[in-house]
Structures are given as structure tokens and as C-alpha cells.
């Protein structure tokens, strides 16, 4: 090889080296030398599964327990129209779900499906709470039962899920033998306003059986303020009131 050829080879080698440094190294760092994360689709960094367990907030399937349905009931609110309620217990300590899908299936006495109602809710950690679907219309068909279940999998997360603190005071019931009315005051204990609060009233008889349910939505309650909530029914309760539970469900701030 003569001197001109050697010089040309040196130039080409230097050019290739510069290209590798300026282009190849950044491309490698961007696409091949990524730090492990909880969303890279690889089981690494001591994860218990792919992107779950270990340092990841998301729990693996074997790290959580399914919620327990304590009871499921249907209540007639008008001819051919019903409200459905399920009381659910989450026994997972420090684990929550921001969004869990569910379904109510309503059947007649012959086990024929009359209605299927789906929805979604949040599940706080270590809590028992009601899930309500209203205005379920079956027409002339008479329902005998409703069956509630979650649609799996539930995306369980580990960490803080700070539901706004509220308090219910001044619960009273009137006209229970004609057109019942339940009133109460909902107090916002937080130092910020809470909005779109679902408030559910559950009325139990003296044997602790749920006999009526209703809900209202409070659009907004200012910090350290309160709001009156009222629930009404068109028909008398089927028994004497044993207790009234009023549950306020408000999403955590910034969610």
C-alpha cells in the first residue's frame, strides 16, 4: 500500500471512529443501556414478577387477596325499577386499587338474566365500603336476586391512598311509615375543598338486615365546612329501623 492509500485508510478509520463516538454511543445509551424500571416489560431489579413486586408499587397476583363481598341486595325504588348494592371488604393492608371494574347481574326466580350493569370504583386499603348502582329497570319482569363480582384482574398498588377525611353528624329519620326521609350533615375535615362526593345511606332493620338504600352527590364542600344531605323513599320501610349508616366516598386529592 502506497502512502496515499495509507493516508486515505487513516482518514476513513478516523471518520468511522468519530461517527461511532458521536452517533453510535448515544444510540446505544438510548436503546440498549436503559436503567431498569417498573414499566420496561422485564423482570429485573429484584422484582417478584414482570414489573410487579419488589421495588415496584404494583403488586403481583400472588401478593394480594381478592376483595370479599359481605352481601349483595336489590331494592325496589319504583315499579319495575331497582337499586343494587354490594358491601365489599378489602382486607389487603396498605394495598389499594385506583380503578376496579365490576358487574352486577340480576336474575329472576328461574335464574334468567334480567339485567347486567357494569361500572368501576376505587378500592381503599383495609376498608369496608358499599358499591351502588341505581335506576336498574326490569319492566314487568320481577327480579329475585342480584350477584356482584369484580372483573379481574384488579391492578393492586402498594403505597399511600389518602381518602379525604369526612364525618357524618346529626343523622335523623322521619315519616318511616309513609314516605321516609333521612337527613344528616356531612363535615369536610380537610384543609382543602372536596368535590363530587358520593354519599350513600344504608338503612338496616333491627336484625341488621339492609332494607333500604339511597344516594346523593355533593358537588363541593369547602375546607372545614359542611353540607346537608337528604335521602327520600316513595314507599315505607319494611321494618323498624335498627341503624342507619351513611358513607361518603370521595377520591383522594389530585386523582
Protein backbone atom coordinates (compact mmCIF):
# COMPACT_ATOMS: atom_id res chain seq x y z
CA UNK A 1 0.00 0.00 0.00
CA UNK A 2 1.44 3.34 -1.00
CA UNK A 3 1.43 6.43 1.19
CA UNK A 4 -1.71 7.91 -0.40
CA UNK A 5 -3.66 4.72 0.20
CA UNK A 6 -2.47 4.52 3.79
CA UNK A 7 -3.46 8.13 4.40
CA UNK A 8 -6.91 7.51 2.91
CA UNK A 9 -7.34 4.45 5.17
CA UNK A 10 -6.37 6.53 8.20
CA UNK A 11 -8.93 9.20 7.28
CA UNK A 12 -11.65 6.58 6.85
CA UNK A 13 -10.76 4.95 10.18
CA UNK A 14 -10.81 8.30 11.99
CA UNK A 15 -14.17 9.17 10.37
CA UNK A 16 -15.66 5.83 11.45
CA UNK A 17 -14.34 6.32 14.98
CA UNK A 18 -15.82 9.81 15.20
CA UNK A 19 -19.16 8.52 13.86
CA UNK A 20 -19.25 5.76 16.47
CA UNK A 21 -18.50 8.22 19.25
CA UNK A 22 -20.98 10.88 18.13
CA UNK A 23 -23.80 8.65 16.89
CA UNK A 24 -23.29 5.06 17.99
CA UNK A 25 -22.71 5.70 21.68
CA UNK A 26 -25.83 7.90 22.14
CA UNK A 27 -27.92 5.35 20.25
CA UNK A 28 -26.62 2.56 22.47
CA UNK A 29 -27.31 4.52 25.64
CA UNK A 30 -30.82 5.39 24.44
CA UNK A 31 -31.97 1.99 23.22
CA UNK A 32 -29.78 -0.65 24.82
CA UNK A 33 -28.33 0.64 28.08
CA UNK A 34 -31.55 1.63 29.89
CA UNK A 35 -31.79 1.63 33.63
CA UNK A 36 -34.36 -0.94 34.84
CA UNK A 37 -37.84 0.45 35.57
CA UNK A 38 -41.22 -0.85 36.71
CA UNK A 39 -42.62 -0.49 33.19
CA UNK A 40 -39.91 -1.97 30.95
CA UNK A 41 -41.60 -5.37 30.49
CA UNK A 42 -38.65 -7.21 32.04
CA UNK A 43 -38.34 -8.93 35.40
CA UNK A 44 -35.29 -7.21 36.87
CA UNK A 45 -34.19 -5.08 39.86
CA UNK A 46 -35.39 -7.80 42.30
CA UNK A 47 -38.97 -7.68 41.03
CA UNK A 48 -41.15 -10.64 42.05
CA UNK A 49 -42.73 -10.73 38.59
CA UNK A 50 -42.63 -8.70 35.41
CA UNK A 51 -42.92 -5.06 36.55
CA UNK A 52 -44.54 -6.02 39.86
CA UNK A 53 -43.46 -6.67 43.43
CA UNK A 54 -40.12 -5.78 44.96
CA UNK A 55 -39.39 -2.09 44.37
CA UNK A 56 -42.49 -1.64 42.18
CA UNK A 57 -45.70 -0.16 43.54
CA UNK A 58 -47.78 -2.62 41.53
CA UNK A 59 -48.37 -5.89 43.36
CA UNK A 60 -48.04 -9.29 41.71
CA UNK A 61 -51.13 -11.51 41.61
CA UNK A 62 -49.95 -13.70 44.49
CA UNK A 63 -49.24 -10.71 46.75
CA UNK A 64 -52.86 -9.64 47.22
CA UNK A 65 -56.17 -11.11 48.30
CA UNK A 66 -59.44 -10.80 46.43
CA UNK A 67 -62.00 -8.43 48.00
CA UNK A 68 -64.79 -10.08 49.97
CA UNK A 69 -68.44 -9.40 49.14
CA UNK A 70 -70.19 -9.33 52.52
CA UNK A 71 -73.64 -9.03 50.99
CA UNK A 72 -75.44 -8.08 47.78
CA UNK A 73 -79.02 -6.84 47.70
CA UNK A 74 -81.60 -5.31 45.39
CA UNK A 75 -84.24 -2.78 46.46
CA UNK A 76 -87.31 -1.69 44.53
CA UNK A 77 -87.44 2.09 44.18
CA UNK A 78 -90.40 2.33 41.79
CA UNK A 79 -92.50 -0.12 39.75
CA UNK A 80 -90.02 -2.11 37.65
CA UNK A 81 -87.03 -0.07 38.89
CA UNK A 82 -84.41 -1.17 41.41
CA UNK A 83 -81.23 -0.11 43.18
CA UNK A 84 -78.42 -2.63 43.63
CA UNK A 85 -75.89 -2.55 46.44
CA UNK A 86 -72.91 -4.68 47.42
CA UNK A 87 -70.96 -4.32 50.65
CA UNK A 88 -67.31 -5.05 49.95
CA UNK A 89 -64.35 -5.60 52.28
CA UNK A 90 -60.72 -5.06 51.20
CA UNK A 91 -58.54 -6.96 53.63
CA UNK A 92 -55.26 -6.01 51.92
CA UNK A 93 -53.12 -3.97 54.28
CA UNK A 94 -51.57 -0.97 52.55
CA UNK A 95 -52.81 -2.03 49.10
CA UNK A 96 -55.34 -0.14 47.02
CA UNK A 97 -56.76 -0.01 43.51
CA UNK A 98 -57.36 3.33 41.80
CA UNK A 99 -59.82 1.75 39.37
CA UNK A 100 -61.53 -1.62 39.69
CA UNK A 101 -64.21 -2.75 37.24
CA UNK A 102 -67.25 -4.66 38.47
CA UNK A 103 -70.55 -6.13 37.32
CA UNK A 104 -73.99 -6.64 38.86
CA UNK A 105 -76.04 -9.44 37.27
CA UNK A 106 -79.73 -9.50 38.19
CA UNK A 107 -81.81 -12.68 37.82
CA UNK A 108 -85.44 -13.73 38.20
CA UNK A 109 -86.63 -16.70 40.28
CA UNK A 110 -85.87 -19.06 37.36
CA UNK A 111 -82.28 -17.81 37.21
CA UNK A 112 -82.89 -15.99 33.92
CA UNK A 113 -80.62 -12.96 33.49
CA UNK A 114 -82.70 -9.78 33.50
CA UNK A 115 -80.02 -7.09 33.61
CA UNK A 116 -76.26 -6.72 33.58
CA UNK A 117 -74.83 -3.47 34.91
CA UNK A 118 -71.10 -2.69 34.82
CA UNK A 119 -69.15 0.08 36.50
CA UNK A 120 -65.87 0.99 38.13
CA UNK A 121 -64.79 2.22 41.54
CA UNK A 122 -61.71 2.79 43.68
CA UNK A 123 -60.75 0.44 46.49
CA UNK A 124 -59.10 1.99 49.57
CA UNK A 125 -56.73 -0.16 51.65
CA UNK A 126 -58.11 -2.04 54.67
CA UNK A 127 -61.66 -0.75 54.30
CA UNK A 128 -65.27 -1.88 54.04
CA UNK A 129 -67.47 0.15 51.68
CA UNK A 130 -70.67 -0.05 49.62
CA UNK A 131 -70.97 -0.08 45.84
CA UNK A 132 -74.29 1.17 44.48
CA UNK A 133 -75.97 1.05 41.09
CA UNK A 134 -79.33 2.76 40.80
CA UNK A 135 -82.15 3.01 38.23
CA UNK A 136 -81.92 -0.61 37.07
CA UNK A 137 -85.08 -1.14 35.04
CA UNK A 138 -86.58 -4.63 34.60
CA UNK A 139 -90.07 -3.63 33.50
CA UNK A 140 -92.72 -6.27 34.21
CA UNK A 141 -90.09 -8.90 34.97
CA UNK A 142 -89.63 -9.42 38.70
CA UNK A 143 -86.03 -9.88 39.90
CA UNK A 144 -85.24 -12.36 42.65
CA UNK A 145 -81.54 -11.67 43.26
CA UNK A 146 -78.52 -9.74 42.13
CA UNK A 147 -74.98 -11.12 42.02
CA UNK A 148 -71.99 -8.79 42.34
CA UNK A 149 -68.43 -9.55 41.27
CA UNK A 150 -65.26 -7.71 40.31
CA UNK A 151 -63.87 -8.08 36.81
CA UNK A 152 -60.36 -9.42 37.25
CA UNK A 153 -57.50 -8.76 37.31
CA UNK A 154 -57.51 -5.87 39.77
CA UNK A 155 -54.46 -3.63 39.48
CA UNK A 156 -53.37 -3.51 43.13
CA UNK A 157 -50.88 -0.84 44.14
CA UNK A 158 -48.76 -0.52 47.26
CA UNK A 159 -48.48 2.91 48.88
CA UNK A 160 -50.46 5.86 50.14
CA UNK A 161 -54.06 6.40 49.07
CA UNK A 162 -55.27 9.21 51.28
CA UNK A 163 -59.04 9.41 51.05
CA UNK A 164 -60.32 12.80 52.32
CA UNK A 165 -61.47 12.67 55.93
CA UNK A 166 -65.17 13.36 56.38
CA UNK A 167 -67.55 13.00 59.30
CA UNK A 168 -71.31 12.46 59.41
CA UNK A 169 -73.32 14.02 62.21
CA UNK A 170 -76.95 14.70 63.06
CA UNK A 171 -78.49 11.65 61.41
CA UNK A 172 -82.29 11.59 61.71
CA UNK A 173 -85.21 9.76 60.08
CA UNK A 174 -88.82 10.89 59.67
CA UNK A 175 -92.05 9.57 58.11
CA UNK A 176 -90.74 6.00 58.06
CA UNK A 177 -94.27 4.56 57.81
CA UNK A 178 -95.19 6.57 54.72
CA UNK A 179 -92.55 8.38 52.65
CA UNK A 180 -89.32 8.03 54.64
CA UNK A 181 -86.74 10.79 54.77
CA UNK A 182 -83.22 10.57 56.23
CA UNK A 183 -81.21 13.73 56.86
CA UNK A 184 -77.65 14.29 58.03
CA UNK A 185 -74.77 16.74 57.93
CA UNK A 186 -71.55 15.86 56.09
CA UNK A 187 -68.46 17.60 57.50
CA UNK A 188 -65.29 18.12 55.46
CA UNK A 189 -62.43 17.72 57.94
CA UNK A 190 -59.75 18.56 55.38
CA UNK A 191 -57.98 21.89 54.81
CA UNK A 192 -58.95 21.82 51.13
CA UNK A 193 -62.26 21.60 49.27
CA UNK A 194 -63.52 18.20 48.21
CA UNK A 195 -65.71 17.70 45.17
CA UNK A 196 -68.04 15.14 43.61
CA UNK A 197 -68.65 13.24 46.85
CA UNK A 198 -70.87 10.18 46.56
CA UNK A 199 -72.90 9.82 49.76
CA UNK A 200 -74.77 6.54 50.32
CA UNK A 201 -77.39 5.92 53.00
CA UNK A 202 -77.97 2.33 54.13
CA UNK A 203 -80.92 1.62 56.40
CA UNK A 204 -80.92 -1.61 58.45
CA UNK A 205 -83.71 -3.24 60.40
CA UNK A 206 -83.44 -4.45 63.99
CA UNK A 207 -82.00 -7.79 62.79
CA UNK A 208 -79.23 -5.89 60.97
CA UNK A 209 -80.62 -6.67 57.52
CA UNK A 210 -80.32 -3.93 54.89
CA UNK A 211 -83.84 -2.83 53.95
CA UNK A 212 -83.30 0.42 52.04
CA UNK A 213 -80.56 2.26 50.19
CA UNK A 214 -80.25 5.64 48.52
CA UNK A 215 -77.54 8.02 47.38
CA UNK A 216 -76.90 11.68 46.66
CA UNK A 217 -73.95 13.53 45.14
CA UNK A 218 -72.45 16.55 46.90
CA UNK A 219 -70.84 18.73 44.24
CA UNK A 220 -68.43 20.53 46.57
CA UNK A 221 -67.69 21.17 50.25
CA UNK A 222 -65.24 23.91 51.18
CA UNK A 223 -62.41 23.28 53.64
CA UNK A 224 -63.63 22.71 57.20
CA UNK A 225 -67.23 23.31 56.09
CA UNK A 226 -70.30 21.10 55.99
CA UNK A 227 -73.22 20.23 53.74
CA UNK A 228 -76.71 18.95 54.41
CA UNK A 229 -77.59 15.63 52.76
CA UNK A 230 -81.14 14.33 52.34
CA UNK A 231 -82.37 10.90 51.21
CA UNK A 232 -86.01 10.09 50.41
CA UNK A 233 -88.05 7.00 49.52
CA UNK A 234 -91.50 6.70 47.95
CA UNK A 235 -92.66 3.70 49.99
CA UNK A 236 -92.49 2.86 53.72
CA UNK A 237 -89.62 0.85 55.17
CA UNK A 238 -90.42 -2.84 55.58
CA UNK A 239 -89.44 -2.90 59.26
CA UNK A 240 -88.32 -0.84 62.22
CA UNK A 241 -85.01 0.96 61.88
CA UNK A 242 -82.14 -0.67 63.72
CA UNK A 243 -79.38 1.61 62.43
CA UNK A 244 -78.56 3.99 59.60
CA UNK A 245 -75.11 4.03 58.01
CA UNK A 246 -74.15 7.00 55.86
CA UNK A 247 -70.96 6.53 53.85
CA UNK A 248 -69.19 9.34 51.98
CA UNK A 249 -66.88 8.28 49.16
CA UNK A 250 -64.56 10.99 47.83
CA UNK A 251 -61.50 10.40 45.67
CA UNK A 252 -58.14 11.47 47.08
CA UNK A 253 -56.92 14.93 46.13
CA UNK A 254 -55.45 15.31 42.64
CA UNK A 255 -56.87 11.99 41.42
